[in-house]
Amino acid sequence: MSKKEINNIQDFLTIKNENQNIKYQIVNIQLLLRKHPPTAVIGFLDELHKDYSKKLKDVIKEDKTSSRLNEIIATKFRIKMAINCIKKIDKHGGKAA
């Protein structure tokens, strides 16, 4: 996988707080892809996505008006987009279509 492809995936997994000028990485994908094959990273991200689904259910039960609901949904979306990018790159032999 090229550095450009990895950076593209990392962008989905990085959250910027514009007000406080802070960046937060959900996962350091470069480190994971350096040490593990794409299928293992996808498996890890799938499990992480499931964990956030559980958190989402808990927050919905607790307080449907909580701002945490928005954060969890956004994080789940970002993880899913990263999974889709890795699958697409892996399917095309390491090159984005």
Protein backbone atom coordinates (compact mmCIF):
# COMPACT_ATOMS: atom_id res chain seq x y z
CA MET A 1 0.00 0.00 0.00
CA SER A 2 1.38 3.40 -0.91
CA LYS A 3 1.97 6.21 1.56
CA LYS A 4 -0.69 8.28 -0.23
CA GLU A 5 -3.26 5.49 0.20
CA ILE A 6 -2.37 5.07 3.87
CA ASN A 7 -2.62 8.84 4.44
CA ASN A 8 -6.05 8.82 2.77
CA ILE A 9 -7.22 6.08 5.14
CA GLN A 10 -5.67 7.88 8.14
CA ASP A 11 -7.62 11.03 7.23
CA PHE A 12 -10.85 9.12 7.88
CA LEU A 13 -9.49 8.04 11.25
CA THR A 14 -8.34 11.50 12.35
CA ILE A 15 -10.66 14.00 13.99
CA LYS A 16 -9.81 17.69 14.16
CA ASN A 17 -11.28 19.96 16.78
CA GLU A 18 -11.13 23.31 15.01
CA ASN A 19 -11.97 25.33 18.13
CA GLN A 20 -9.12 23.92 20.22
CA ASN A 21 -6.71 23.20 17.34
CA ILE A 22 -6.44 19.55 18.41
CA LYS A 23 -6.12 16.41 16.27
CA TYR A 24 -7.25 13.05 17.60
CA GLN A 25 -6.43 9.74 15.92
CA ILE A 26 -9.02 7.03 16.43
CA VAL A 27 -6.38 4.54 15.26
CA ASN A 28 -2.85 4.93 13.89
CA ILE A 29 -3.45 3.01 10.68
CA GLN A 30 0.11 3.40 9.40
CA LEU A 31 1.49 1.55 12.40
CA LEU A 32 -1.12 -1.20 12.11
CA LEU A 33 -0.58 -1.73 8.38
CA ARG A 34 3.18 -1.79 8.86
CA LYS A 35 2.92 -4.65 11.37
CA HIS A 36 -0.15 -6.57 10.12
CA PRO A 37 -1.68 -7.65 6.82
CA PRO A 38 -4.70 -5.66 5.53
CA THR A 39 -7.12 -8.50 6.37
CA ALA A 40 -6.02 -8.46 10.03
CA VAL A 41 -6.37 -4.67 10.18
CA ILE A 42 -9.86 -4.93 8.67
CA GLY A 43 -10.73 -7.53 11.32
CA PHE A 44 -9.50 -5.21 14.07
CA LEU A 45 -11.45 -2.25 12.66
CA ASP A 46 -14.58 -4.42 12.39
CA GLU A 47 -14.26 -5.28 16.09
CA LEU A 48 -13.72 -1.63 16.95
CA HIS A 49 -16.83 -0.76 14.92
CA LYS A 50 -18.81 -3.35 16.91
CA ASP A 51 -17.56 -1.86 20.17
CA TYR A 52 -18.79 1.56 19.11
CA SER A 53 -22.14 0.00 18.17
CA LYS A 54 -22.45 -1.29 21.73
CA LYS A 55 -21.56 2.15 23.10
CA LEU A 56 -24.19 3.65 20.81
CA LYS A 57 -26.88 1.34 22.16
CA ASP A 58 -25.89 2.23 25.73
CA VAL A 59 -26.01 5.97 25.06
CA ILE A 60 -29.38 5.66 23.34
CA LYS A 61 -30.77 3.82 26.37
CA GLU A 62 -29.27 6.38 28.75
CA ASP A 63 -29.94 9.71 27.02
CA LYS A 64 -31.04 10.16 23.40
CA THR A 65 -30.22 13.88 23.57
CA SER A 66 -26.57 13.38 24.54
CA SER A 67 -23.91 14.91 22.29
CA ARG A 68 -21.97 11.64 22.73
CA LEU A 69 -24.52 10.12 20.35
CA ASN A 70 -23.24 12.36 17.53
CA GLU A 71 -19.61 11.59 18.34
CA ILE A 72 -20.16 7.83 18.35
CA ILE A 73 -22.10 7.87 15.07
CA ALA A 74 -19.39 9.99 13.42
CA THR A 75 -16.67 7.65 14.71
CA LYS A 76 -18.54 4.57 13.47
CA PHE A 77 -18.87 6.21 10.03
CA ARG A 78 -15.16 7.07 9.92
CA ILE A 79 -14.16 3.52 10.87
CA LYS A 80 -16.48 2.07 8.21
CA MET A 81 -15.03 4.39 5.56
CA ALA A 82 -11.50 3.31 6.52
CA ILE A 83 -12.54 -0.36 6.26
CA ASN A 84 -14.05 0.26 2.82
CA CYS A 85 -10.87 2.02 1.62
CA ILE A 86 -8.62 -0.81 2.81
CA LYS A 87 -10.88 -3.41 1.18
CA LYS A 88 -10.90 -1.48 -2.09
CA ILE A 89 -7.12 -1.08 -2.13
CA ASP A 90 -6.56 -4.72 -1.11
CA LYS A 91 -8.98 -5.93 -3.79
CA HIS A 92 -7.08 -4.03 -6.49
CA GLY A 93 -3.69 -5.38 -5.44
CA GLY A 94 -2.48 -2.42 -3.41
CA LYS A 95 -3.64 0.27 -5.80
CA ALA A 96 -6.69 2.42 -5.47
CA ALA A 97 -9.15 2.15 -8.32
